[in-house]
Amino acid sequence: MRVGAALLEIRVHGSHSLKQKRGVIRSIVQRLRNRHNVSVAEVGGQGTWQRAVIGLAAVGQDALMVRKRLEAALSFVESLNLAEVMASDIEMLDTPPVAALEEDEAAEGLPWEEDTERVDPD
């Protein structure tokens, strides 16, 4: 499984209140969810009038496809012209296959069972 995460720092021009900024951010977030099938949330800059940090995440089998999905989402935000993209970053995380996790659990037991003792209810 491949997990991709992206951070997007934007500046909302013409925003003179948190309410105006939130309206623009809400629009961007909803459009990203609808068109690019990514998880999206405002993760920074909530207390500022013009700056926001938006976090995106996508999951898939192929790292290249996940990266392309996130890159397309970032390009989409730029094309909206609702805000100026100040910075962006994409990070990829590779997780081991489930079969490998199951083998580890069988060999070592479940992580939360390490220091526990079974108590007989009788």
N, C-alpha and C. Protein backbone atom coordinates (compact mmCIF):
# COMPACT_ATOMS: atom_id res chain seq x y z
N MET A 1 0.85 -1.18 0.00
CA MET A 1 0.00 0.00 0.00
C MET A 1 0.89 1.23 0.00
N ARG A 2 0.52 2.19 -0.80
CA ARG A 2 1.26 3.44 -0.90
C ARG A 2 0.37 4.57 -0.38
N VAL A 3 0.94 5.40 0.47
CA VAL A 3 0.22 6.54 1.03
C VAL A 3 0.96 7.80 0.63
N GLY A 4 0.23 8.75 0.10
CA GLY A 4 0.80 10.03 -0.26
C GLY A 4 0.17 11.13 0.56
N ALA A 5 0.98 12.05 1.03
CA ALA A 5 0.47 13.19 1.80
C ALA A 5 1.08 14.46 1.20
N ALA A 6 0.27 15.48 1.11
CA ALA A 6 0.73 16.75 0.56
C ALA A 6 0.31 17.89 1.47
N LEU A 7 1.16 18.89 1.55
CA LEU A 7 0.83 20.14 2.24
C LEU A 7 0.87 21.26 1.22
N LEU A 8 -0.08 22.14 1.33
CA LEU A 8 -0.22 23.23 0.40
C LEU A 8 -0.44 24.50 1.20
N GLU A 9 0.51 25.42 1.13
CA GLU A 9 0.36 26.70 1.82
C GLU A 9 -0.16 27.71 0.81
N ILE A 10 -1.28 28.33 1.15
CA ILE A 10 -1.89 29.28 0.22
C ILE A 10 -2.15 30.62 0.91
N ARG A 11 -2.29 31.63 0.06
CA ARG A 11 -2.63 32.97 0.53
C ARG A 11 -3.89 33.40 -0.20
N VAL A 12 -4.90 33.74 0.57
CA VAL A 12 -6.19 34.15 0.01
C VAL A 12 -6.18 35.66 -0.14
N HIS A 13 -6.11 36.15 -1.37
CA HIS A 13 -6.08 37.59 -1.62
C HIS A 13 -7.48 38.18 -1.47
N GLY A 14 -7.53 39.39 -1.00
CA GLY A 14 -8.80 40.09 -0.87
C GLY A 14 -9.63 39.65 0.31
N SER A 15 -9.07 38.82 1.15
CA SER A 15 -9.79 38.38 2.34
C SER A 15 -9.55 39.38 3.46
N HIS A 16 -10.63 39.90 4.03
CA HIS A 16 -10.51 40.88 5.11
C HIS A 16 -11.07 40.37 6.43
N SER A 17 -11.46 39.10 6.44
CA SER A 17 -11.96 38.50 7.67
C SER A 17 -11.78 36.99 7.62
N LEU A 18 -11.85 36.38 8.78
CA LEU A 18 -11.76 34.92 8.84
C LEU A 18 -12.94 34.28 8.10
N LYS A 19 -14.09 34.92 8.16
CA LYS A 19 -15.28 34.39 7.50
C LYS A 19 -15.08 34.33 5.99
N GLN A 20 -14.51 35.38 5.40
CA GLN A 20 -14.24 35.38 3.96
C GLN A 20 -13.23 34.30 3.60
N LYS A 21 -12.18 34.19 4.40
CA LYS A 21 -11.15 33.18 4.13
C LYS A 21 -11.74 31.78 4.22
N ARG A 22 -12.53 31.53 5.25
CA ARG A 22 -13.13 30.20 5.42
C ARG A 22 -14.02 29.83 4.25
N GLY A 23 -14.71 30.81 3.68
CA GLY A 23 -15.55 30.54 2.51
C GLY A 23 -14.72 30.07 1.33
N VAL A 24 -13.59 30.72 1.10
CA VAL A 24 -12.70 30.33 0.00
C VAL A 24 -12.10 28.95 0.28
N ILE A 25 -11.64 28.73 1.50
CA ILE A 25 -11.04 27.44 1.86
C ILE A 25 -12.08 26.33 1.72
N ARG A 26 -13.28 26.57 2.20
CA ARG A 26 -14.35 25.57 2.10
C ARG A 26 -14.60 25.20 0.63
N SER A 27 -14.60 26.19 -0.25
CA SER A 27 -14.80 25.95 -1.67
C SER A 27 -13.67 25.10 -2.26
N ILE A 28 -12.44 25.44 -1.92
CA ILE A 28 -11.29 24.68 -2.42
C ILE A 28 -11.34 23.24 -1.92
N VAL A 29 -11.58 23.07 -0.64
CA VAL A 29 -11.61 21.72 -0.04
C VAL A 29 -12.70 20.87 -0.69
N GLN A 30 -13.89 21.42 -0.86
CA GLN A 30 -14.99 20.65 -1.44
C GLN A 30 -14.70 20.27 -2.89
N ARG A 31 -14.14 21.19 -3.66
CA ARG A 31 -13.81 20.90 -5.06
C ARG A 31 -12.73 19.82 -5.16
N LEU A 32 -11.74 19.87 -4.26
CA LEU A 32 -10.71 18.83 -4.27
C LEU A 32 -11.31 17.47 -3.96
N ARG A 33 -12.18 17.40 -2.97
CA ARG A 33 -12.82 16.11 -2.62
C ARG A 33 -13.64 15.57 -3.79
N ASN A 34 -14.38 16.44 -4.44
CA ASN A 34 -15.26 16.01 -5.52
C ASN A 34 -14.51 15.58 -6.78
N ARG A 35 -13.46 16.28 -7.14
CA ARG A 35 -12.81 16.03 -8.43
C ARG A 35 -11.59 15.13 -8.37
N HIS A 36 -10.94 15.05 -7.22
CA HIS A 36 -9.67 14.33 -7.19
C HIS A 36 -9.64 13.15 -6.22
N ASN A 37 -10.73 12.86 -5.56
CA ASN A 37 -10.82 11.70 -4.68
C ASN A 37 -9.66 11.64 -3.69
N VAL A 38 -9.44 12.73 -3.00
CA VAL A 38 -8.41 12.81 -1.96
C VAL A 38 -9.06 13.24 -0.65
N SER A 39 -8.42 12.89 0.44
CA SER A 39 -8.85 13.40 1.74
C SER A 39 -8.22 14.77 1.93
N VAL A 40 -9.00 15.73 2.39
CA VAL A 40 -8.53 17.11 2.47
C VAL A 40 -9.00 17.74 3.78
N ALA A 41 -8.12 18.56 4.37
CA ALA A 41 -8.48 19.32 5.57
C ALA A 41 -7.59 20.55 5.68
N GLU A 42 -8.13 21.60 6.27
CA GLU A 42 -7.30 22.76 6.61
C GLU A 42 -6.53 22.39 7.87
N VAL A 43 -5.21 22.39 7.79
CA VAL A 43 -4.39 21.92 8.91
C VAL A 43 -3.53 23.01 9.54
N GLY A 44 -3.60 24.23 9.03
CA GLY A 44 -2.80 25.31 9.60
C GLY A 44 -3.32 26.66 9.16
N GLY A 45 -2.95 27.67 9.92
CA GLY A 45 -3.33 29.04 9.58
C GLY A 45 -4.78 29.37 9.87
N GLN A 46 -5.43 28.60 10.74
CA GLN A 46 -6.85 28.84 11.01
C GLN A 46 -7.13 30.21 11.63
N GLY A 47 -6.17 30.77 12.32
CA GLY A 47 -6.40 32.05 12.99
C GLY A 47 -5.99 33.26 12.17
N THR A 48 -5.55 33.06 10.93
CA THR A 48 -5.11 34.19 10.11
C THR A 48 -6.15 34.50 9.04
N TRP A 49 -6.17 35.73 8.56
CA TRP A 49 -7.16 36.16 7.58
C TRP A 49 -6.83 35.74 6.16
N GLN A 50 -5.54 35.63 5.84
CA GLN A 50 -5.18 35.40 4.44
C GLN A 50 -4.39 34.12 4.20
N ARG A 51 -3.83 33.53 5.22
CA ARG A 51 -2.96 32.36 5.03
C ARG A 51 -3.68 31.10 5.50
N ALA A 52 -3.43 30.00 4.77
CA ALA A 52 -3.98 28.70 5.18
C ALA A 52 -3.02 27.61 4.73
N VAL A 53 -3.03 26.52 5.47
CA VAL A 53 -2.29 25.33 5.07
C VAL A 53 -3.32 24.22 4.92
N ILE A 54 -3.32 23.61 3.74
CA ILE A 54 -4.27 22.54 3.44
C ILE A 54 -3.48 21.24 3.33
N GLY A 55 -3.97 20.21 3.99
CA GLY A 55 -3.36 18.88 3.92
C GLY A 55 -4.20 17.98 3.05
N LEU A 56 -3.53 17.19 2.21
CA LEU A 56 -4.20 16.24 1.34
C LEU A 56 -3.59 14.87 1.55
N ALA A 57 -4.38 13.82 1.36
CA ALA A 57 -3.86 12.46 1.47
C ALA A 57 -4.56 11.58 0.44
N ALA A 58 -3.80 10.62 -0.09
CA ALA A 58 -4.34 9.66 -1.04
C ALA A 58 -3.66 8.31 -0.80
N VAL A 59 -4.38 7.24 -1.08
CA VAL A 59 -3.88 5.89 -0.87
C VAL A 59 -4.09 5.09 -2.14
N GLY A 60 -3.15 4.21 -2.45
CA GLY A 60 -3.29 3.33 -3.61
C GLY A 60 -2.21 2.27 -3.63
N GLN A 61 -2.26 1.42 -4.64
CA GLN A 61 -1.28 0.35 -4.78
C GLN A 61 0.01 0.82 -5.45
N ASP A 62 -0.11 1.80 -6.34
CA ASP A 62 1.02 2.25 -7.14
C ASP A 62 1.46 3.65 -6.68
N ALA A 63 2.70 3.77 -6.25
CA ALA A 63 3.21 5.04 -5.74
C ALA A 63 3.16 6.14 -6.80
N LEU A 64 3.45 5.79 -8.04
CA LEU A 64 3.43 6.78 -9.12
C LEU A 64 2.02 7.35 -9.33
N MET A 65 1.02 6.48 -9.28
CA MET A 65 -0.36 6.94 -9.47
C MET A 65 -0.81 7.82 -8.30
N VAL A 66 -0.41 7.46 -7.09
CA VAL A 66 -0.77 8.27 -5.92
C VAL A 66 -0.12 9.65 -6.03
N ARG A 67 1.16 9.67 -6.40
CA ARG A 67 1.86 10.95 -6.56
C ARG A 67 1.21 11.80 -7.65
N LYS A 68 0.86 11.18 -8.77
CA LYS A 68 0.22 11.92 -9.86
C LYS A 68 -1.13 12.48 -9.43
N ARG A 69 -1.88 11.72 -8.63
CA ARG A 69 -3.17 12.21 -8.15
C ARG A 69 -2.98 13.45 -7.28
N LEU A 70 -1.97 13.42 -6.40
CA LEU A 70 -1.71 14.58 -5.54
C LEU A 70 -1.19 15.76 -6.34
N GLU A 71 -0.31 15.51 -7.31
CA GLU A 71 0.19 16.59 -8.16
C GLU A 71 -0.95 17.24 -8.95
N ALA A 72 -1.87 16.41 -9.45
CA ALA A 72 -3.02 16.94 -10.19
C ALA A 72 -3.89 17.79 -9.28
N ALA A 73 -4.06 17.36 -8.04
CA ALA A 73 -4.85 18.12 -7.08
C ALA A 73 -4.20 19.47 -6.79
N LEU A 74 -2.87 19.48 -6.62
CA LEU A 74 -2.17 20.74 -6.37
C LEU A 74 -2.28 21.68 -7.57
N SER A 75 -2.13 21.14 -8.77
CA SER A 75 -2.27 21.96 -9.98
C SER A 75 -3.68 22.51 -10.11
N PHE A 76 -4.65 21.71 -9.72
CA PHE A 76 -6.05 22.14 -9.77
C PHE A 76 -6.28 23.35 -8.87
N VAL A 77 -5.70 23.34 -7.68
CA VAL A 77 -5.85 24.47 -6.75
C VAL A 77 -5.26 25.73 -7.39
N GLU A 78 -4.10 25.59 -8.03
CA GLU A 78 -3.49 26.75 -8.70
C GLU A 78 -4.39 27.27 -9.81
N SER A 79 -5.02 26.36 -10.56
CA SER A 79 -5.84 26.77 -11.70
C SER A 79 -7.15 27.45 -11.28
N LEU A 80 -7.58 27.24 -10.04
CA LEU A 80 -8.82 27.87 -9.57
C LEU A 80 -8.70 29.38 -9.44
N ASN A 81 -7.49 29.87 -9.20
CA ASN A 81 -7.24 31.30 -9.01
C ASN A 81 -8.05 31.90 -7.86
N LEU A 82 -8.37 31.07 -6.87
CA LEU A 82 -9.04 31.57 -5.67
C LEU A 82 -8.02 32.01 -4.63
N ALA A 83 -6.81 31.48 -4.75
CA ALA A 83 -5.74 31.78 -3.79
C ALA A 83 -4.40 31.55 -4.48
N GLU A 84 -3.39 32.22 -3.95
CA GLU A 84 -2.02 32.05 -4.46
C GLU A 84 -1.33 30.92 -3.70
N VAL A 85 -0.75 29.99 -4.44
CA VAL A 85 -0.01 28.90 -3.82
C VAL A 85 1.37 29.41 -3.46
N MET A 86 1.66 29.45 -2.16
CA MET A 86 2.95 29.94 -1.68
C MET A 86 4.00 28.83 -1.65
N ALA A 87 3.58 27.63 -1.26
CA ALA A 87 4.51 26.50 -1.17
C ALA A 87 3.70 25.21 -1.19
N SER A 88 4.34 24.14 -1.64
CA SER A 88 3.69 22.83 -1.61
C SER A 88 4.76 21.76 -1.46
N ASP A 89 4.34 20.63 -0.90
CA ASP A 89 5.27 19.52 -0.68
C ASP A 89 4.47 18.22 -0.71
N ILE A 90 5.05 17.19 -1.31
CA ILE A 90 4.44 15.87 -1.35
C ILE A 90 5.40 14.88 -0.73
N GLU A 91 4.89 14.04 0.15
CA GLU A 91 5.68 12.98 0.78
C GLU A 91 4.99 11.65 0.51
N MET A 92 5.78 10.62 0.26
CA MET A 92 5.24 9.28 0.02
C MET A 92 5.68 8.35 1.14
N LEU A 93 4.78 7.44 1.51
CA LEU A 93 5.05 6.45 2.55
C LEU A 93 4.70 5.08 1.99
N ASP A 94 5.65 4.16 2.04
CA ASP A 94 5.40 2.79 1.62
C ASP A 94 5.18 1.94 2.86
N THR A 95 4.09 1.22 2.88
CA THR A 95 3.81 0.34 4.01
C THR A 95 4.03 -1.10 3.58
N PRO A 96 4.38 -1.98 4.51
CA PRO A 96 4.60 -3.37 4.13
C PRO A 96 3.27 -4.03 3.75
N PRO A 97 3.33 -5.07 2.92
CA PRO A 97 2.10 -5.78 2.57
C PRO A 97 1.45 -6.39 3.80
N VAL A 98 0.15 -6.60 3.74
CA VAL A 98 -0.59 -7.15 4.87
C VAL A 98 -0.06 -8.53 5.24
N ALA A 99 0.32 -9.33 4.25
CA ALA A 99 0.83 -10.67 4.54
C ALA A 99 2.07 -10.59 5.44
N ALA A 100 2.93 -9.62 5.21
CA ALA A 100 4.13 -9.47 6.04
C ALA A 100 3.73 -9.07 7.46
N LEU A 101 2.72 -8.23 7.59
CA LEU A 101 2.26 -7.84 8.92
C LEU A 101 1.66 -9.04 9.65
N GLU A 102 0.90 -9.86 8.93
CA GLU A 102 0.30 -11.04 9.56
C GLU A 102 1.36 -12.02 10.03
N GLU A 103 2.43 -12.18 9.25
CA GLU A 103 3.52 -13.07 9.66
C GLU A 103 4.19 -12.55 10.92
N ASP A 104 4.42 -11.25 10.99
CA ASP A 104 5.03 -10.65 12.18
C ASP A 104 4.14 -10.83 13.40
N GLU A 105 2.84 -10.62 13.23
CA GLU A 105 1.91 -10.78 14.35
C GLU A 105 1.87 -12.22 14.83
N ALA A 106 1.91 -13.17 13.89
CA ALA A 106 1.86 -14.58 14.28
C ALA A 106 3.12 -14.96 15.05
N ALA A 107 4.24 -14.40 14.65
CA ALA A 107 5.50 -14.72 15.32
C ALA A 107 5.61 -14.05 16.69
N GLU A 108 5.15 -12.83 16.79
CA GLU A 108 5.35 -12.06 18.01
C GLU A 108 4.09 -11.87 18.84
N GLY A 109 2.94 -12.20 18.31
CA GLY A 109 1.69 -11.88 18.99
C GLY A 109 1.28 -10.46 18.66
N LEU A 110 0.11 -10.11 19.03
CA LEU A 110 -0.37 -8.76 18.75
C LEU A 110 0.31 -7.76 19.68
N PRO A 111 0.59 -6.55 19.20
CA PRO A 111 1.35 -5.58 20.01
C PRO A 111 0.69 -5.26 21.34
N TRP A 112 -0.63 -5.24 21.39
CA TRP A 112 -1.30 -4.86 22.63
C TRP A 112 -1.44 -6.04 23.59
N GLU A 113 -0.98 -7.23 23.19
CA GLU A 113 -1.06 -8.39 24.07
C GLU A 113 0.26 -8.69 24.76
N GLU A 114 1.27 -7.88 24.53
CA GLU A 114 2.62 -8.18 25.02
C GLU A 114 2.69 -8.31 26.54
N ASP A 115 2.16 -7.35 27.26
CA ASP A 115 2.33 -7.32 28.71
C ASP A 115 1.05 -7.63 29.47
N THR A 116 0.08 -8.20 28.80
CA THR A 116 -1.18 -8.47 29.48
C THR A 116 -1.30 -9.94 29.82
N GLU A 117 -1.96 -10.22 30.90
CA GLU A 117 -2.22 -11.59 31.31
C GLU A 117 -3.70 -11.85 31.19
N ARG A 118 -4.04 -13.06 30.80
CA ARG A 118 -5.45 -13.42 30.71
C ARG A 118 -5.97 -13.72 32.10
N VAL A 119 -7.12 -13.19 32.39
CA VAL A 119 -7.76 -13.43 33.69
C VAL A 119 -8.98 -14.30 33.45
N ASP A 120 -9.07 -15.40 34.18
CA ASP A 120 -10.20 -16.30 34.06
C ASP A 120 -11.40 -15.67 34.77
N PRO A 121 -12.55 -15.51 34.07
CA PRO A 121 -13.69 -14.83 34.67
C PRO A 121 -14.33 -15.60 35.83
N ASP A 122 -14.00 -16.89 36.04
CA ASP A 122 -14.61 -17.68 37.13
C ASP A 122 -14.02 -17.37 38.44
